[in-house]
Amino acid sequence: MIFMQTASKEHILNTLTAPLIEQIPFTARGDELFIKMSQILDDQPEKLRIDLKAVLDSFLLKMLKNEASDIDLGGAGCRGKVWYRIFGDKSPDKSTQNFSVEATDFLLLNILVNSQRKLLLKDRNLDFSYGIEIGNGKNQRFRVDIYFDLEHLAMNMRRIDNTIRPFKSLGVNAEVAKALSLKYYKYGLSLITGITGSGKSSTLDTIIDANNRTVDSHIVVISSPVELIHKPIKSVVRHREVGRDVESFKAGAIQALRQDPDIIVIGELRDPETIMTALEITDSGHKTFSTLHTSSAMDSIERILGEVPTEEQNRVRARLADVLTCVISQKLVPSLDGKRVLAKEVLIANSSVKAAIRNNNISEIYQMLMEGSEKGMNTLEQDLKRLFTEGKISKENAINYSNNKSKIVQLLSETSY
């Protein structure tokens, strides 16, 4: 119903922005162009700005109707069209008009406040969250990334799943479940890793929710941006968005130590400073969760060690061995029913794993994963084989999504048909 009422608004963007575009000085380029367009927009009546927001919201409502995960628009790369990713494939919406890059510049500038515009101009990129009403008192939130494409603004929005998956859906061993629970492990660093779009945030939200439901505690979530909002159940849950509520992941983590937390969630270990801060706050006796853009447990350990100077690596290696509790590395694999299914590698940092990290024998960890099923461990290749034998994924995708091609081929050759 809401979509039908607002869909026609997507065709008036050029009309709304035409008078604004006429005011842009012909000689304006680069940052000067961006600043001038901001000034022009700020001088407009509130009604025009509300109408511009309604246009963007109509694109998002259509996104929900089409069950799309992402929307892209703006900049030269979109060729004047709105693009949607639907079940993994991204394509333009041919039903909309072609929009000029200046029209989409104004559309995107309209949803930013002055402080956000300054950050965008400084960093050439801006992450934040955005929400719309979808009726019946419900809201839908999106993760937004705005950046520059040939001196014009481009945007990706990803739909945030409002539904938290039950913890049982992760399919982890009881020992892994204990490692992720504050009830059993009062401190330690647990990492959820994977490439972009692998479902790391959803898994992290499931773990936060499980602790929120079962333990009396204080959970501090530091994100860029804040995606799913956890309502307090048994725990106090604070959400701090980088750029809005706190300056950086590092600053948020350090400040959290003065806020009497039990669990600190650092949205992503993006840089050496944040990595070192995560190790330090965990070493101080807190339970810490975070994510990394790595494709395996071994890569995660090597990435952390590789981010610090050579002279610091022995100290960091010892600290990581002391605090690491669990690593879950995951991928979303196309399933035979046309959707996607979770494949994961799970590492529990037992005494053998800790010794391998401390002694710089990371290569030994893969064999520990292969032989650690009783402790809840498995390689990604073992999980892909399981999904194949259960008839959930194809043999081709089991091979394509593996980290170790020779190992998955060997494992699949052992499968009886």
Protein backbone atom coordinates (compact mmCIF):
# COMPACT_ATOMS: atom_id res chain seq x y z
CA MET A 1 0.00 0.00 0.00
CA ILE A 2 2.73 2.47 0.98
CA PHE A 3 4.71 1.61 -2.14
CA MET A 4 1.77 2.32 -4.44
CA GLN A 5 1.20 5.67 -2.77
CA THR A 6 4.81 6.80 -3.13
CA ALA A 7 6.07 5.09 -6.29
CA SER A 8 5.11 8.01 -8.56
CA LYS A 9 7.48 10.25 -6.59
CA GLU A 10 10.48 8.54 -8.15
CA HIS A 11 9.62 10.25 -11.46
CA ILE A 12 9.77 13.83 -10.13
CA LEU A 13 13.41 14.02 -9.09
CA ASN A 14 14.51 15.82 -12.25
CA THR A 15 11.66 18.32 -11.85
CA LEU A 16 12.50 19.02 -8.21
CA THR A 17 16.21 19.51 -8.83
CA ALA A 18 16.12 21.43 -12.14
CA PRO A 19 15.86 24.88 -10.48
CA LEU A 20 18.64 23.95 -8.06
CA ILE A 21 20.96 22.81 -10.84
CA GLU A 22 20.46 26.13 -12.64
CA GLN A 23 21.98 27.92 -9.65
CA ILE A 24 25.28 26.01 -9.79
CA PRO A 25 28.10 28.28 -11.03
CA PHE A 26 29.50 27.00 -14.32
CA THR A 27 33.06 27.24 -12.99
CA ALA A 28 32.45 25.31 -9.75
CA ARG A 29 34.57 22.16 -9.52
CA GLY A 30 35.70 19.69 -6.85
CA ASP A 31 35.12 20.70 -3.24
CA GLU A 32 33.92 24.13 -4.32
CA LEU A 33 31.08 22.47 -6.27
CA PHE A 34 30.14 20.32 -3.28
CA ILE A 35 30.11 23.33 -0.91
CA LYS A 36 28.08 25.48 -3.33
CA MET A 37 25.47 22.75 -3.83
CA SER A 38 25.16 22.39 -0.05
CA GLN A 39 24.54 26.14 0.27
CA ILE A 40 21.91 26.07 -2.50
CA LEU A 41 20.12 23.18 -0.81
CA ASP A 42 20.18 24.82 2.62
CA ASP A 43 18.47 27.91 1.16
CA GLN A 44 15.47 25.88 -0.07
CA PRO A 45 12.06 25.79 1.67
CA GLU A 46 11.38 22.86 3.95
CA LYS A 47 8.70 21.46 1.63
CA LEU A 48 11.18 20.92 -1.21
CA ARG A 49 13.54 19.09 1.11
CA ILE A 50 10.69 16.92 2.38
CA ASP A 51 9.76 16.12 -1.24
CA LEU A 52 13.36 15.16 -2.03
CA LYS A 53 13.44 12.83 0.95
CA ALA A 54 10.17 11.28 -0.21
CA VAL A 55 11.78 10.50 -3.57
CA LEU A 56 14.66 8.65 -1.93
CA ASP A 57 12.25 6.85 0.40
CA SER A 58 10.20 5.72 -2.62
CA PHE A 59 13.31 4.03 -4.04
CA LEU A 60 13.80 2.23 -0.73
CA LEU A 61 10.17 1.13 -0.53
CA LYS A 62 10.51 -0.32 -4.01
CA MET A 63 13.67 -2.04 -2.84
CA LEU A 64 11.71 -3.73 -0.05
CA LYS A 65 8.90 -4.71 -2.43
CA ASN A 66 11.43 -6.34 -4.77
CA GLU A 67 13.19 -8.12 -1.88
CA ALA A 68 16.45 -6.42 -2.87
CA SER A 69 19.41 -6.43 -0.47
CA ASP A 70 21.14 -3.33 -1.88
CA ILE A 71 20.45 -0.17 -3.84
CA ASP A 72 23.01 1.94 -5.73
CA LEU A 73 22.55 5.35 -7.31
CA GLY A 74 24.44 8.50 -8.25
CA GLY A 75 27.76 9.17 -9.93
CA ALA A 76 28.84 8.28 -13.45
CA GLY A 77 28.92 4.56 -12.66
CA CYS A 78 25.14 4.18 -12.39
CA ARG A 79 24.45 5.71 -15.84
CA GLY A 80 21.57 7.78 -14.44
CA LYS A 81 19.66 4.75 -13.18
CA VAL A 82 18.77 3.27 -9.81
CA TRP A 83 20.30 -0.19 -9.41
CA TYR A 84 19.04 -3.00 -7.14
CA ARG A 85 20.72 -6.23 -6.05
CA ILE A 86 18.06 -8.94 -5.99
CA PHE A 87 19.06 -12.47 -4.89
CA GLY A 88 22.70 -11.74 -5.65
CA ASP A 89 22.32 -10.07 -9.06
CA LYS A 90 22.61 -6.29 -9.51
CA SER A 91 20.78 -4.59 -12.37
CA PRO A 92 19.26 -1.18 -13.22
CA ASP A 93 15.60 -0.35 -12.72
CA LYS A 94 14.47 0.36 -16.28
CA SER A 95 11.11 1.72 -15.14
CA THR A 96 12.63 4.91 -13.74
CA GLN A 97 13.74 7.98 -15.65
CA ASN A 98 17.38 8.77 -16.24
CA PHE A 99 18.71 11.15 -13.59
CA SER A 100 21.58 13.57 -14.00
CA VAL A 101 24.53 13.28 -11.63
CA GLU A 102 23.66 16.74 -10.29
CA ALA A 103 20.11 15.60 -9.50
CA THR A 104 21.36 12.65 -7.47
CA ASP A 105 23.98 14.90 -5.84
CA PHE A 106 21.19 17.04 -4.42
CA LEU A 107 19.14 13.97 -3.49
CA LEU A 108 21.99 12.59 -1.39
CA LEU A 109 23.12 15.89 0.08
CA ASN A 110 19.57 16.40 1.30
CA ILE A 111 19.79 13.54 3.82
CA LEU A 112 23.07 14.77 5.35
CA VAL A 113 23.49 17.28 8.14
CA ASN A 114 26.32 19.81 8.01
CA SER A 115 28.65 17.77 10.24
CA GLN A 116 28.21 14.73 7.99
CA ARG A 117 28.92 16.81 4.88
CA LYS A 118 32.16 18.05 6.44
CA LEU A 119 33.23 14.49 7.23
CA LEU A 120 32.37 13.36 3.72
CA LEU A 121 34.40 16.19 2.25
CA LYS A 122 37.33 15.39 4.53
CA ASP A 123 37.37 11.58 4.23
CA ARG A 124 35.78 11.29 0.74
CA ASN A 125 33.54 8.61 2.23
CA LEU A 126 30.78 8.49 4.85
CA ASP A 127 29.14 5.55 6.64
CA PHE A 128 25.90 6.05 8.56
CA SER A 129 22.46 4.56 9.12
CA TYR A 130 19.13 5.65 7.66
CA GLY A 131 15.58 4.67 8.51
CA ILE A 132 12.13 4.95 6.94
CA GLU A 133 8.61 4.22 8.15
CA ILE A 134 6.96 1.26 6.43
CA GLY A 135 3.56 1.38 8.12
CA ASN A 136 1.88 -0.14 11.18
CA GLY A 137 4.33 1.68 13.42
CA LYS A 138 7.27 -0.23 11.93
CA ASN A 139 10.57 1.10 10.64
CA GLN A 140 13.18 -0.26 8.26
CA ARG A 141 16.84 0.65 8.72
CA PHE A 142 19.59 0.73 6.12
CA ARG A 143 23.37 0.85 6.23
CA VAL A 144 24.54 3.72 4.02
CA ASP A 145 27.86 4.40 2.33
CA ILE A 146 28.21 7.67 0.37
CA TYR A 147 31.39 8.34 -1.58
CA PHE A 148 32.71 10.23 -4.61
CA ASP A 149 32.62 8.95 -8.19
CA LEU A 150 34.34 11.35 -10.62
CA GLU A 151 33.58 14.37 -8.40
CA HIS A 152 29.92 13.44 -7.92
CA LEU A 153 28.20 11.63 -5.09
CA ALA A 154 27.44 7.92 -5.27
CA MET A 155 25.62 5.81 -2.71
CA ASN A 156 25.05 2.25 -1.67
CA MET A 157 22.38 1.35 0.87
CA ARG A 158 22.08 -2.14 2.30
CA ARG A 159 18.87 -3.29 3.92
CA ILE A 160 19.37 -4.23 7.56
CA ASP A 161 17.54 -7.40 8.48
CA ASN A 162 15.25 -6.54 11.38
CA THR A 163 14.93 -10.20 12.27
CA ILE A 164 17.54 -11.68 14.58
CA ARG A 165 18.23 -15.31 13.77
CA PRO A 166 17.94 -17.65 16.74
CA PHE A 167 21.27 -18.78 18.14
CA LYS A 168 20.50 -22.41 17.26
CA SER A 169 20.47 -21.43 13.57
CA LEU A 170 24.26 -20.93 13.72
CA GLY A 171 24.60 -24.67 14.16
CA VAL A 172 27.64 -24.47 16.44
CA ASN A 173 28.89 -27.09 18.88
CA ALA A 174 28.03 -26.74 22.59
CA GLU A 175 31.65 -25.86 23.39
CA VAL A 176 31.54 -23.03 20.85
CA ALA A 177 28.26 -21.80 22.29
CA LYS A 178 29.88 -21.64 25.73
CA ALA A 179 32.86 -19.73 24.36
CA LEU A 180 30.48 -17.10 22.95
CA SER A 181 28.49 -16.74 26.18
CA LEU A 182 29.35 -14.38 29.02
CA LYS A 183 27.76 -16.92 31.34
CA TYR A 184 30.64 -19.36 30.79
CA TYR A 185 33.53 -17.16 29.58
CA LYS A 186 33.77 -13.83 31.40
CA TYR A 187 36.52 -12.48 29.13
CA GLY A 188 38.22 -13.26 25.84
CA LEU A 189 38.26 -12.11 22.22
CA SER A 190 35.89 -13.75 19.73
CA LEU A 191 36.10 -12.86 16.04
CA ILE A 192 33.50 -13.19 13.28
CA THR A 193 35.28 -12.96 9.94
CA GLY A 194 34.43 -13.06 6.26
CA ILE A 195 34.40 -11.04 3.08
CA THR A 196 31.92 -8.21 2.49
CA GLY A 197 28.37 -9.57 2.27
CA SER A 198 29.15 -12.81 4.08
CA GLY A 199 26.66 -12.20 6.90
CA LYS A 200 29.14 -11.24 9.62
CA SER A 201 26.84 -8.57 11.08
CA SER A 202 23.90 -10.98 11.25
CA THR A 203 25.97 -13.58 13.09
CA LEU A 204 27.31 -10.95 15.48
CA ASP A 205 23.77 -9.71 16.17
CA THR A 206 22.67 -13.27 16.92
CA ILE A 207 25.50 -13.63 19.47
CA ILE A 208 24.71 -10.25 21.08
CA ASP A 209 21.03 -11.18 21.28
CA ALA A 210 21.80 -14.53 22.91
CA ASN A 211 23.82 -12.82 25.64
CA ASN A 212 21.18 -10.10 26.01
CA ARG A 213 18.54 -12.77 26.63
CA THR A 214 20.49 -14.94 29.05
CA VAL A 215 22.86 -12.81 31.15
CA ASP A 216 22.42 -9.81 33.45
CA SER A 217 25.10 -7.53 32.01
CA HIS A 218 26.07 -4.29 30.28
CA ILE A 219 26.76 -4.55 26.54
CA VAL A 220 28.41 -1.67 24.64
CA VAL A 221 28.14 -1.89 20.84
CA ILE A 222 30.45 0.41 18.83
CA SER A 223 29.53 0.34 15.14
CA SER A 224 30.03 2.18 11.86
CA PRO A 225 27.16 2.50 11.33
CA VAL A 226 24.77 1.12 13.95
CA GLU A 227 22.63 -1.38 12.08
CA LEU A 228 20.20 -3.54 14.05
CA ILE A 229 19.19 -1.98 17.38
CA HIS A 230 19.00 -4.40 20.30
CA LYS A 231 16.29 -3.69 22.83
CA PRO A 232 17.41 -4.30 26.42
CA ILE A 233 16.11 -7.63 27.73
CA LYS A 234 18.31 -8.90 30.57
CA SER A 235 21.16 -6.54 29.72
CA VAL A 236 21.69 -2.82 29.34
CA VAL A 237 22.61 -2.37 25.67
CA ARG A 238 24.32 0.81 24.47
CA HIS A 239 24.72 1.59 20.76
CA ARG A 240 27.44 4.08 19.80
CA GLU A 241 27.78 5.03 16.14
CA VAL A 242 31.20 6.11 14.91
CA GLY A 243 31.03 9.65 13.57
CA ARG A 244 27.81 10.43 15.42
CA ASP A 245 28.18 9.24 19.02
CA VAL A 246 31.92 8.65 19.15
CA GLU A 247 34.91 9.71 17.08
CA SER A 248 36.38 6.29 16.24
CA PHE A 249 36.33 2.58 17.12
CA LYS A 250 39.45 3.07 19.21
CA ALA A 251 37.99 6.02 21.12
CA GLY A 252 34.73 4.16 21.69
CA ALA A 253 36.53 1.08 23.02
CA ILE A 254 38.71 3.10 25.41
CA GLN A 255 35.74 5.13 26.62
CA ALA A 256 33.74 1.95 27.16
CA LEU A 257 36.20 0.88 29.85
CA ARG A 258 34.90 3.76 31.98
CA GLN A 259 31.27 2.74 31.44
CA ASP A 260 31.28 -0.47 33.52
CA PRO A 261 30.79 -2.89 30.60
CA ASP A 262 30.74 -6.68 30.63
CA ILE A 263 30.76 -7.10 26.85
CA ILE A 264 32.35 -4.70 24.36
CA VAL A 265 31.47 -5.12 20.68
CA ILE A 266 33.82 -3.39 18.23
CA GLY A 267 32.10 -3.41 14.84
CA GLU A 268 35.29 -3.96 12.86
CA LEU A 269 39.04 -4.21 13.43
CA ARG A 270 39.94 -1.83 10.60
CA ASP A 271 43.41 -0.63 11.52
CA PRO A 272 46.41 -1.41 13.76
CA GLU A 273 45.28 1.03 16.47
CA THR A 274 41.85 -0.60 16.79
CA ILE A 275 43.41 -4.08 16.77
CA MET A 276 45.81 -3.16 19.58
CA THR A 277 42.99 -1.52 21.54
CA ALA A 278 40.83 -4.66 21.21
CA LEU A 279 43.66 -6.82 22.56
CA GLU A 280 44.27 -4.42 25.45
CA ILE A 281 40.63 -4.13 26.58
CA THR A 282 40.24 -7.91 26.38
CA ASP A 283 43.43 -8.38 28.36
CA SER A 284 41.97 -6.09 31.02
CA GLY A 285 39.30 -8.70 31.72
CA HIS A 286 36.44 -7.94 29.32
CA LYS A 287 34.58 -10.11 26.85
CA THR A 288 35.11 -8.63 23.41
CA PHE A 289 33.55 -9.38 20.03
CA SER A 290 34.61 -7.96 16.67
CA THR A 291 34.79 -8.66 12.94
CA LEU A 292 37.59 -8.88 10.39
CA HIS A 293 37.59 -8.91 6.58
CA THR A 294 39.39 -12.24 6.28
CA SER A 295 38.32 -15.53 4.76
CA SER A 296 39.68 -18.06 7.26
CA ALA A 297 40.69 -18.47 10.90
CA MET A 298 44.37 -18.68 10.00
CA ASP A 299 44.12 -15.56 7.82
CA SER A 300 42.52 -13.75 10.76
CA ILE A 301 45.44 -14.52 13.06
CA GLU A 302 48.00 -13.63 10.40
CA ARG A 303 46.15 -10.40 9.60
CA ILE A 304 46.29 -9.27 13.23
CA LEU A 305 50.00 -10.06 13.49
CA GLY A 306 50.72 -8.50 10.11
CA GLU A 307 49.17 -5.18 11.10
CA VAL A 308 51.79 -4.45 13.77
CA PRO A 309 55.48 -3.53 13.32
CA THR A 310 57.96 -6.41 13.24
CA GLU A 311 59.50 -5.41 16.56
CA GLU A 312 56.06 -5.59 18.23
CA GLN A 313 54.96 -8.93 16.78
CA ASN A 314 56.32 -11.19 19.53
CA ARG A 315 54.51 -9.16 22.20
CA VAL A 316 51.28 -9.07 20.18
CA ARG A 317 51.55 -12.79 19.40
CA ALA A 318 51.78 -13.58 23.11
CA ARG A 319 48.87 -11.29 23.95
CA LEU A 320 46.69 -12.71 21.16
CA ALA A 321 47.43 -16.24 22.37
CA ASP A 322 46.34 -15.20 25.87
CA VAL A 323 43.03 -13.54 24.93
CA LEU A 324 41.74 -15.31 21.80
CA THR A 325 38.70 -17.47 22.52
CA CYS A 326 37.01 -18.27 19.23
CA VAL A 327 37.10 -17.46 15.49
CA ILE A 328 34.16 -18.06 13.17
CA SER A 329 34.98 -17.46 9.50
CA GLN A 330 31.98 -17.63 7.21
CA LYS A 331 30.68 -17.39 3.67
CA LEU A 332 27.18 -17.29 2.20
CA VAL A 333 27.01 -19.92 -0.54
CA PRO A 334 24.30 -20.10 -3.24
CA SER A 335 21.99 -22.98 -2.38
CA LEU A 336 20.11 -25.31 -4.67
CA ASP A 337 16.80 -23.65 -3.77
CA GLY A 338 17.98 -20.31 -5.21
CA LYS A 339 18.82 -18.70 -1.89
CA ARG A 340 22.03 -18.71 0.17
CA VAL A 341 23.23 -20.91 3.01
CA LEU A 342 25.85 -20.29 5.70
CA ALA A 343 29.16 -22.15 5.49
CA LYS A 344 31.59 -21.60 8.33
CA GLU A 345 35.01 -22.45 9.68
CA VAL A 346 35.21 -22.61 13.48
CA LEU A 347 38.33 -22.35 15.62
CA ILE A 348 38.37 -22.74 19.39
CA ALA A 349 41.55 -21.37 20.95
CA ASN A 350 42.45 -24.35 23.12
CA SER A 351 45.89 -24.88 24.62
CA SER A 352 47.29 -26.36 21.38
CA VAL A 353 46.06 -23.46 19.28
CA LYS A 354 47.39 -20.93 21.80
CA ALA A 355 50.78 -22.64 21.75
CA ALA A 356 50.85 -22.53 17.93
CA ILE A 357 50.11 -18.79 17.97
CA ARG A 358 52.66 -18.08 20.69
CA ASN A 359 55.36 -20.09 18.92
CA ASN A 360 54.55 -18.65 15.47
CA ASN A 361 53.46 -22.00 14.08
CA ILE A 362 50.25 -20.73 12.48
CA SER A 363 50.47 -23.27 9.64
CA GLU A 364 49.81 -26.06 12.18
CA ILE A 365 46.35 -24.69 12.99
CA TYR A 366 44.67 -26.01 9.82
CA GLN A 367 45.39 -29.60 10.87
CA MET A 368 44.04 -28.82 14.34
CA LEU A 369 40.84 -27.61 12.70
CA MET A 370 40.63 -30.77 10.61
CA GLU A 371 40.98 -32.98 13.68
CA GLY A 372 39.05 -30.87 16.18
CA SER A 373 35.46 -31.95 15.53
CA GLU A 374 34.98 -33.24 19.09
CA LYS A 375 35.88 -29.78 20.37
CA GLY A 376 33.50 -28.07 17.93
CA MET A 377 36.11 -27.15 15.33
CA ASN A 378 36.00 -27.62 11.57
CA THR A 379 37.54 -26.20 8.41
CA LEU A 380 35.49 -24.36 5.82
CA GLU A 381 36.11 -27.26 3.45
CA GLN A 382 34.61 -29.75 5.91
CA ASP A 383 31.51 -27.59 6.27
CA LEU A 384 31.16 -27.20 2.51
CA LYS A 385 31.36 -30.99 2.17
CA ARG A 386 28.61 -31.30 4.80
CA LEU A 387 26.36 -28.89 2.90
CA PHE A 388 26.99 -30.79 -0.34
CA THR A 389 26.26 -34.20 1.16
CA GLU A 390 23.06 -32.81 2.72
CA GLY A 391 21.93 -31.74 -0.74
CA LYS A 392 21.97 -28.02 0.02
CA ILE A 393 24.68 -26.81 -2.38
CA SER A 394 26.15 -27.97 -5.67
CA LYS A 395 29.55 -29.61 -6.01
CA GLU A 396 30.65 -26.70 -8.20
CA ASN A 397 29.83 -24.13 -5.50
CA ALA A 398 31.46 -26.28 -2.82
CA ILE A 399 34.68 -26.03 -4.81
CA ASN A 400 34.27 -22.39 -5.85
CA TYR A 401 33.67 -21.14 -2.30
CA SER A 402 36.44 -23.14 -0.63
CA ASN A 403 39.70 -21.62 0.58
CA ASN A 404 41.71 -24.77 -0.11
CA LYS A 405 40.78 -26.16 -3.53
CA SER A 406 42.91 -29.30 -3.34
CA LYS A 407 41.50 -30.18 0.09
CA ILE A 408 37.86 -29.75 -0.92
CA VAL A 409 38.40 -31.88 -4.05
CA GLN A 410 39.96 -34.57 -1.85
CA LEU A 411 37.09 -34.41 0.64
CA LEU A 412 34.43 -34.55 -2.07
CA SER A 413 36.14 -37.53 -3.71
CA GLU A 414 35.65 -39.40 -0.45
CA THR A 415 31.90 -38.76 -0.53
CA SER A 416 29.79 -41.74 -1.44
CA TYR A 417 26.88 -41.13 -3.80
